[in-house]
Amino acid sequence: MLLLHGAEFLSRERDVRALFRTTAEFATRYLEGRFGLLFSVRFVQAEACCALIGCCVADGTETHWDEVTVPQGLLPMDQLLQDCMRTDQGYTLESLGQEWRLAFAIGEFGAARWVLEIHTPRKPSLRRCQALSLFLRCFENQHRQWEHTNLDTLTRLLNRKTFDDDFDRLILAAEAAEQANREAGDRRDSSHHFPAHPCWLGVVDIDHFKRINDNYGHLFGDEVLLRVADLMRQSFRSQDKLFRFGGEEFVIMLRNVPEDNVCDTFDRFRQAVEHYDFPQVGRVTCSVGYSRIDPQIGPAELLGRADEALYFSKDHGRNQVNGFDDLVMSGLLQLKAPPEVEVNAAEMNQADIDELFG
């Protein structure tokens, strides 16, 4: 019954990280495990490597999920994890003294995309292992449906269709961060307060992409898009949202990044593109513009600010990163009033305007 309940939960999940959490928690509870580790699998030069997605720790009847939020390199897979990917049954187990360690491959035979490792004090029966393998197929099917709906077919980044919902959540996160900092500032003793940092929106455009398509053909143009998408995944954190917005334009959403670090964060990605040797094409560069998320400003204007910073980067030599606020502060861009403010100002007399703007 527990796995049926878990399968029902999976069928309702629309967030990919919630899929990972739900799967790990129900699997760990079903095998009465102490903890479970969920890994993504990558093949590097035909060698299987893994990266930790998160850890589920069981405490009696409760389970706690800790997601990995800091980028980590790929790790070699030990023998048990490798063996589970090579068996027809899709799982392996070994005894560790008073404990059993199990590994379940999730995905096609020989090409698993995830591995779930569970540590439990009791050796599970064959029936329970088979039942859990079937439950993990439900996760795989649900994840495949999520990908079909939410991912760009070429780059496998988030697609344009998912942008609006994620942008709304980013604005809410920025608002929550500002509120948390205000409340901490109102307290007498805020010495132990760790500030919630701002949220950011970045726009990336590959420089001279039309020239790449014209000179080398669309096949190599698509290859450039694929490699740039891979460099984005390597340069940003797992919780950052990465979109292919259309053509050669990409969008990045960052949460909880200090203002002093955000330019370096985007520039690290720009340098990764600049120094990468693209097949046949060779050197490729990109331009980046970004803006801080202000909850008081509408989504269209926030995206417009990041676009303005991007256009500045492209108009002033390309292959550079610029922030909208920095450009305004330095006088290189002018802060425009929203259209409704301009209309209202036009209807006022000069005295009203002087009073409004001091």
Protein backbone atom coordinates (compact mmCIF):
# COMPACT_ATOMS: atom_id res chain seq x y z
CA MET A 1 0.00 0.00 0.00
CA LEU A 2 2.86 2.37 0.72
CA LEU A 3 4.21 2.14 -2.84
CA LEU A 4 0.72 2.56 -4.32
CA HIS A 5 0.38 5.69 -2.22
CA GLY A 6 3.77 6.84 -3.50
CA ALA A 7 2.80 6.18 -7.13
CA GLU A 8 -0.30 8.31 -6.61
CA PHE A 9 1.88 11.12 -5.26
CA LEU A 10 4.19 10.85 -8.28
CA SER A 11 1.27 11.13 -10.69
CA ARG A 12 0.34 14.50 -9.19
CA GLU A 13 3.83 16.02 -9.04
CA ARG A 14 4.62 18.73 -11.59
CA ASP A 15 7.97 19.89 -10.21
CA VAL A 16 10.97 17.75 -11.15
CA ARG A 17 12.70 18.18 -7.80
CA ALA A 18 9.54 17.07 -6.05
CA LEU A 19 9.65 13.92 -8.19
CA PHE A 20 13.16 13.16 -6.93
CA ARG A 21 12.22 13.85 -3.31
CA THR A 22 9.01 11.79 -3.39
CA THR A 23 10.75 8.83 -5.04
CA ALA A 24 13.65 8.74 -2.58
CA GLU A 25 11.43 9.18 0.47
CA PHE A 26 8.90 6.47 -0.39
CA ALA A 27 11.61 4.02 -1.49
CA THR A 28 13.62 4.51 1.70
CA ARG A 29 10.53 4.11 3.89
CA TYR A 30 9.40 1.00 2.00
CA LEU A 31 12.69 -0.82 2.65
CA GLU A 32 12.81 0.52 6.22
CA GLY A 33 16.12 2.10 5.34
CA ARG A 34 18.21 4.42 7.49
CA PHE A 35 19.02 6.62 4.51
CA GLY A 36 18.91 6.68 0.73
CA LEU A 37 21.10 8.42 -1.86
CA LEU A 38 19.81 9.37 -5.29
CA PHE A 39 22.42 9.84 -8.04
CA SER A 40 22.19 11.01 -11.62
CA VAL A 41 24.29 8.98 -14.07
CA ARG A 42 26.53 10.45 -16.75
CA PHE A 43 28.73 8.61 -19.23
CA VAL A 44 32.15 10.17 -19.79
CA GLN A 45 34.17 8.44 -22.52
CA ALA A 46 32.00 5.34 -22.08
CA GLU A 47 32.71 5.29 -18.34
CA ALA A 48 29.71 5.61 -16.02
CA CYS A 49 30.02 8.41 -13.46
CA CYS A 50 27.49 9.79 -11.02
CA ALA A 51 26.51 13.03 -9.29
CA LEU A 52 24.56 13.17 -6.04
CA ILE A 53 21.08 14.71 -6.39
CA GLY A 54 20.05 14.41 -2.77
CA CYS A 55 19.95 12.36 0.40
CA CYS A 56 16.91 11.01 2.25
CA VAL A 57 17.40 10.31 5.95
CA ALA A 58 14.81 8.26 7.88
CA ASP A 59 14.06 9.07 11.52
CA GLY A 60 11.53 6.61 12.79
CA THR A 61 8.33 7.20 10.83
CA GLU A 62 9.59 10.50 9.37
CA THR A 63 11.90 11.08 6.42
CA HIS A 64 13.94 14.17 5.64
CA TRP A 65 15.17 15.09 2.16
CA ASP A 66 18.31 17.19 1.66
CA GLU A 67 18.85 18.32 -1.90
CA VAL A 68 22.32 19.07 -3.22
CA THR A 69 22.41 22.80 -3.99
CA VAL A 70 26.14 23.33 -4.58
CA PRO A 71 27.65 22.21 -7.91
CA GLN A 72 29.70 19.04 -7.48
CA GLY A 73 31.92 17.20 -9.91
CA LEU A 74 31.15 13.77 -11.27
CA LEU A 75 32.24 10.85 -9.10
CA PRO A 76 33.37 7.38 -10.20
CA MET A 77 30.84 4.64 -9.49
CA ASP A 78 31.86 1.85 -7.13
CA GLN A 79 31.36 -1.80 -8.00
CA LEU A 80 27.89 -2.19 -6.48
CA LEU A 81 26.50 0.79 -8.40
CA GLN A 82 28.06 -0.43 -11.63
CA ASP A 83 26.73 -3.96 -11.12
CA CYS A 84 23.13 -2.80 -10.65
CA MET A 85 23.26 -1.26 -14.14
CA ARG A 86 24.41 -4.54 -15.68
CA THR A 87 21.88 -6.95 -14.20
CA ASP A 88 18.58 -7.91 -15.79
CA GLN A 89 16.76 -7.48 -12.48
CA GLY A 90 18.01 -3.89 -12.16
CA TYR A 91 19.26 -4.05 -8.59
CA THR A 92 22.10 -5.48 -6.52
CA LEU A 93 22.78 -5.79 -2.80
CA GLU A 94 25.66 -6.51 -0.45
CA SER A 95 26.07 -7.15 3.27
CA LEU A 96 27.92 -4.59 5.37
CA GLY A 97 28.07 -6.43 8.70
CA GLN A 98 24.90 -5.41 10.53
CA GLU A 99 23.53 -3.54 7.51
CA TRP A 100 22.53 -4.15 3.90
CA ARG A 101 23.37 -1.85 1.04
CA LEU A 102 21.17 -1.96 -2.07
CA ALA A 103 21.48 -0.19 -5.43
CA PHE A 104 18.64 0.17 -7.97
CA ALA A 105 19.21 1.26 -11.56
CA ILE A 106 16.51 3.54 -12.98
CA GLY A 107 16.31 3.63 -16.77
CA GLU A 108 16.98 1.44 -19.76
CA PHE A 109 19.19 -1.61 -19.36
CA GLY A 110 22.84 -0.59 -19.57
CA ALA A 111 21.95 3.09 -19.86
CA ALA A 112 20.40 4.00 -16.52
CA ARG A 113 19.89 7.70 -15.91
CA TRP A 114 19.71 7.43 -12.12
CA VAL A 115 20.84 5.09 -9.38
CA LEU A 116 19.16 4.86 -5.98
CA GLU A 117 21.27 3.53 -3.10
CA ILE A 118 19.55 2.50 0.15
CA HIS A 119 21.09 1.38 3.45
CA THR A 120 18.84 -0.75 5.63
CA PRO A 121 19.35 -2.94 8.74
CA ARG A 122 17.21 -5.74 7.28
CA LYS A 123 17.77 -7.79 4.17
CA PRO A 124 14.68 -7.18 1.99
CA SER A 125 12.90 -10.07 0.34
CA LEU A 126 12.98 -10.66 -3.40
CA ARG A 127 9.32 -9.66 -3.59
CA ARG A 128 9.95 -6.30 -1.94
CA CYS A 129 12.90 -5.56 -4.23
CA GLN A 130 10.81 -6.39 -7.29
CA ALA A 131 7.97 -4.19 -6.04
CA LEU A 132 10.35 -1.28 -5.51
CA SER A 133 11.79 -1.74 -9.02
CA LEU A 134 8.27 -1.43 -10.39
CA PHE A 135 7.68 1.73 -8.35
CA LEU A 136 10.89 3.23 -9.76
CA ARG A 137 9.53 2.64 -13.27
CA CYS A 138 6.57 4.84 -12.31
CA PHE A 139 9.07 7.56 -11.43
CA GLU A 140 10.86 7.08 -14.76
CA ASN A 141 7.61 7.34 -16.72
CA GLN A 142 6.51 10.43 -14.81
CA HIS A 143 9.89 12.07 -15.36
CA ARG A 144 9.67 11.30 -19.07
CA GLN A 145 6.28 13.03 -19.23
CA TRP A 146 7.71 16.02 -17.36
CA GLU A 147 10.57 16.27 -19.87
CA HIS A 148 8.20 16.10 -22.84
CA THR A 149 6.21 19.01 -21.47
CA ASN A 150 8.94 21.20 -20.04
CA LEU A 151 12.21 20.68 -21.95
CA ASP A 152 13.48 22.07 -25.23
CA THR A 153 13.78 19.15 -27.63
CA LEU A 154 17.30 20.06 -28.80
CA THR A 155 19.18 21.33 -25.74
CA ARG A 156 17.11 19.65 -23.00
CA LEU A 157 17.02 22.94 -21.12
CA LEU A 158 13.72 24.29 -19.86
CA ASN A 159 11.58 25.61 -22.70
CA ARG A 160 9.87 28.95 -23.26
CA LYS A 161 6.51 27.50 -22.24
CA THR A 162 7.65 26.95 -18.65
CA PHE A 163 9.19 30.42 -18.26
CA ASP A 164 6.15 32.34 -16.98
CA ASP A 165 5.39 30.00 -14.06
CA ASP A 166 9.04 29.88 -13.00
CA PHE A 167 9.33 33.66 -13.31
CA ASP A 168 6.34 34.12 -10.99
CA ARG A 169 8.03 31.85 -8.43
CA LEU A 170 11.28 33.80 -8.79
CA ILE A 171 9.49 37.07 -8.03
CA LEU A 172 7.85 35.49 -4.98
CA ALA A 173 11.27 34.26 -3.82
CA ALA A 174 12.71 37.77 -4.23
CA GLU A 175 9.81 39.20 -2.25
CA ALA A 176 10.29 36.62 0.52
CA ALA A 177 14.01 37.44 0.70
CA GLU A 178 13.31 41.15 1.05
CA GLN A 179 10.70 40.49 3.74
CA ALA A 180 13.07 38.23 5.68
CA ASN A 181 15.77 40.89 5.64
CA ARG A 182 13.32 43.60 6.74
CA GLU A 183 12.12 41.48 9.65
CA ALA A 184 15.71 40.72 10.66
CA GLY A 185 16.53 44.43 10.54
CA ASP A 186 13.60 45.21 12.84
CA ARG A 187 14.88 42.85 15.53
CA ARG A 188 17.17 44.21 18.20
CA ASP A 189 19.59 41.30 17.96
CA SER A 190 20.21 40.32 14.36
CA SER A 191 23.82 39.21 14.89
CA HIS A 192 22.95 35.62 14.05
CA HIS A 193 20.88 36.47 10.99
CA PHE A 194 22.14 35.18 7.67
CA PRO A 195 20.85 37.56 4.98
CA ALA A 196 18.69 36.31 2.15
CA HIS A 197 20.41 37.50 -1.02
CA PRO A 198 18.69 38.87 -4.15
CA CYS A 199 17.32 36.99 -7.14
CA TRP A 200 18.55 37.72 -10.66
CA LEU A 201 17.51 37.30 -14.28
CA GLY A 202 20.17 36.86 -16.97
CA VAL A 203 19.81 36.81 -20.75
CA VAL A 204 22.47 35.19 -22.97
CA ASP A 205 22.87 35.56 -26.73
CA ILE A 206 25.46 33.70 -28.83
CA ASP A 207 27.48 36.24 -30.80
CA HIS A 208 27.27 36.10 -34.62
CA PHE A 209 25.21 32.91 -34.55
CA LYS A 210 23.74 33.56 -38.00
CA ARG A 211 27.29 33.66 -39.36
CA ILE A 212 27.92 30.22 -37.82
CA ASN A 213 24.85 28.77 -39.54
CA ASP A 214 25.73 30.45 -42.85
CA ASN A 215 29.38 29.37 -42.82
CA TYR A 216 29.12 25.87 -41.35
CA GLY A 217 25.48 24.85 -41.78
CA HIS A 218 22.65 24.31 -39.34
CA LEU A 219 24.00 20.93 -38.22
CA PHE A 220 27.06 22.58 -36.66
CA GLY A 221 24.87 25.46 -35.48
CA ASP A 222 22.78 22.97 -33.53
CA GLU A 223 25.98 21.44 -32.17
CA VAL A 224 27.01 24.86 -30.85
CA LEU A 225 23.64 25.21 -29.11
CA LEU A 226 24.06 21.78 -27.52
CA ARG A 227 27.58 22.54 -26.26
CA VAL A 228 26.54 25.94 -24.89
CA ALA A 229 23.67 24.27 -23.02
CA ASP A 230 26.13 21.76 -21.50
CA LEU A 231 28.43 24.61 -20.43
CA MET A 232 25.46 26.29 -18.76
CA ARG A 233 24.74 23.17 -16.73
CA GLN A 234 28.38 22.99 -15.64
CA SER A 235 28.66 26.70 -14.79
CA PHE A 236 25.51 27.20 -12.70
CA ARG A 237 24.04 25.51 -9.64
CA SER A 238 21.57 22.67 -9.78
CA GLN A 239 18.78 24.87 -8.38
CA ASP A 240 19.29 27.62 -10.98
CA LYS A 241 16.74 27.67 -13.78
CA LEU A 242 18.18 27.44 -17.31
CA PHE A 243 16.01 28.10 -20.37
CA ARG A 244 16.41 28.07 -24.11
CA PHE A 245 14.29 31.09 -24.89
CA GLY A 246 14.36 30.77 -28.66
CA GLY A 247 16.98 30.53 -31.41
CA GLU A 248 20.38 31.36 -29.92
CA GLU A 249 18.98 33.15 -26.84
CA PHE A 250 19.03 31.65 -23.36
CA VAL A 251 17.67 32.84 -20.01
CA ILE A 252 19.01 32.11 -16.52
CA MET A 253 17.23 32.59 -13.18
CA LEU A 254 19.39 32.81 -10.07
CA ARG A 255 18.21 32.77 -6.46
CA ASN A 256 20.04 33.89 -3.33
CA VAL A 257 23.19 35.28 -4.97
CA PRO A 258 25.02 38.19 -3.29
CA GLU A 259 25.22 41.37 -5.34
CA ASP A 260 29.02 41.31 -5.13
CA ASN A 261 29.15 37.85 -6.72
CA VAL A 262 26.50 37.93 -9.43
CA CYS A 263 28.64 39.48 -12.19
CA ASP A 264 31.41 36.95 -11.57
CA THR A 265 28.81 34.16 -11.68
CA PHE A 266 27.66 35.13 -15.16
CA ASP A 267 31.19 35.92 -16.32
CA ARG A 268 32.41 32.46 -15.32
CA PHE A 269 29.95 31.04 -17.83
CA ARG A 270 30.96 33.60 -20.49
CA GLN A 271 34.61 32.59 -20.11
CA ALA A 272 33.72 28.89 -20.29
CA VAL A 273 32.12 29.52 -23.70
CA GLU A 274 35.01 31.69 -24.91
CA HIS A 275 37.64 29.07 -24.03
CA TYR A 276 35.75 26.07 -25.35
CA ASP A 277 36.88 24.51 -28.64
CA PHE A 278 33.68 23.95 -30.60
CA PRO A 279 33.83 21.16 -33.23
CA GLN A 280 34.61 22.56 -36.69
CA VAL A 281 33.56 26.07 -35.65
CA GLY A 282 36.38 26.70 -33.18
CA ARG A 283 35.96 29.85 -31.08
CA VAL A 284 32.48 31.03 -30.09
CA THR A 285 31.58 33.87 -27.74
CA CYS A 286 28.41 35.06 -26.07
CA SER A 287 27.06 38.30 -24.63
CA VAL A 288 25.20 38.52 -21.33
CA GLY A 289 22.91 41.04 -19.67
CA TYR A 290 21.27 40.68 -16.28
CA SER A 291 18.97 42.53 -13.90
CA ARG A 292 18.04 42.26 -10.25
CA ILE A 293 14.54 41.00 -9.50
CA ASP A 294 12.51 43.77 -7.86
CA PRO A 295 9.12 42.40 -6.70
CA GLN A 296 7.58 45.85 -7.21
CA ILE A 297 8.27 45.76 -10.96
CA GLY A 298 6.26 43.77 -13.48
CA PRO A 299 7.71 40.72 -15.27
CA ALA A 300 7.74 42.39 -18.70
CA GLU A 301 9.81 45.31 -17.42
CA LEU A 302 12.21 43.05 -15.51
CA LEU A 303 12.86 41.02 -18.64
CA GLY A 304 13.18 44.26 -20.59
CA ARG A 305 15.88 45.49 -18.21
CA ALA A 306 17.94 42.33 -18.68
CA ASP A 307 17.47 42.71 -22.45
CA GLU A 308 18.68 46.31 -22.33
CA ALA A 309 21.84 45.19 -20.55
CA LEU A 310 22.28 42.44 -23.15
CA TYR A 311 21.90 44.91 -26.04
CA PHE A 312 24.50 47.13 -24.39
CA SER A 313 26.91 44.17 -24.26
CA LYS A 314 26.34 43.41 -27.94
CA ASP A 315 26.52 47.05 -29.04
CA HIS A 316 29.80 47.66 -27.20
CA GLY A 317 31.98 44.86 -28.48
CA ARG A 318 30.16 41.62 -27.57
CA ASN A 319 31.69 38.83 -25.43
CA GLN A 320 31.00 40.68 -22.19
CA VAL A 321 28.67 40.78 -19.18
CA ASN A 322 26.74 43.84 -18.06
CA GLY A 323 24.20 44.43 -15.30
CA PHE A 324 21.31 46.82 -15.78
CA ASP A 325 21.64 48.55 -12.40
CA ASP A 326 25.39 49.06 -12.83
CA LEU A 327 24.85 50.61 -16.26
CA VAL A 328 22.21 52.98 -14.88
CA MET A 329 24.39 53.98 -11.92
CA SER A 330 27.30 54.74 -14.24
CA GLY A 331 25.11 56.81 -16.55
CA LEU A 332 25.49 54.46 -19.53
CA LEU A 333 21.76 53.61 -19.52
CA GLN A 334 18.79 55.70 -18.49
CA LEU A 335 16.12 54.38 -16.15
CA LYS A 336 12.82 54.72 -17.95
CA ALA A 337 9.56 55.28 -16.10
CA PRO A 338 6.85 52.65 -16.69
CA PRO A 339 4.33 53.66 -19.40
CA GLU A 340 1.52 54.25 -16.88
CA VAL A 341 3.70 56.73 -14.97
CA GLU A 342 4.49 58.60 -18.18
CA VAL A 343 0.80 58.82 -19.06
CA ASN A 344 -0.13 60.11 -15.62
CA ALA A 345 2.67 62.65 -15.71
CA ALA A 346 1.47 63.95 -19.05
CA GLU A 347 -1.94 64.67 -17.52
CA MET A 348 -0.48 66.64 -14.60
CA ASN A 349 0.35 70.29 -14.54
CA GLN A 350 3.90 71.39 -13.80
CA ALA A 351 3.14 72.05 -10.12
CA ASP A 352 1.84 68.51 -9.65
CA ILE A 353 4.94 67.09 -11.28
CA ASP A 354 7.23 69.18 -9.11
CA GLU A 355 5.38 68.03 -6.00
CA LEU A 356 5.48 64.37 -7.05
CA PHE A 357 9.16 64.20 -7.91
CA GLY A 358 10.41 66.77 -5.44
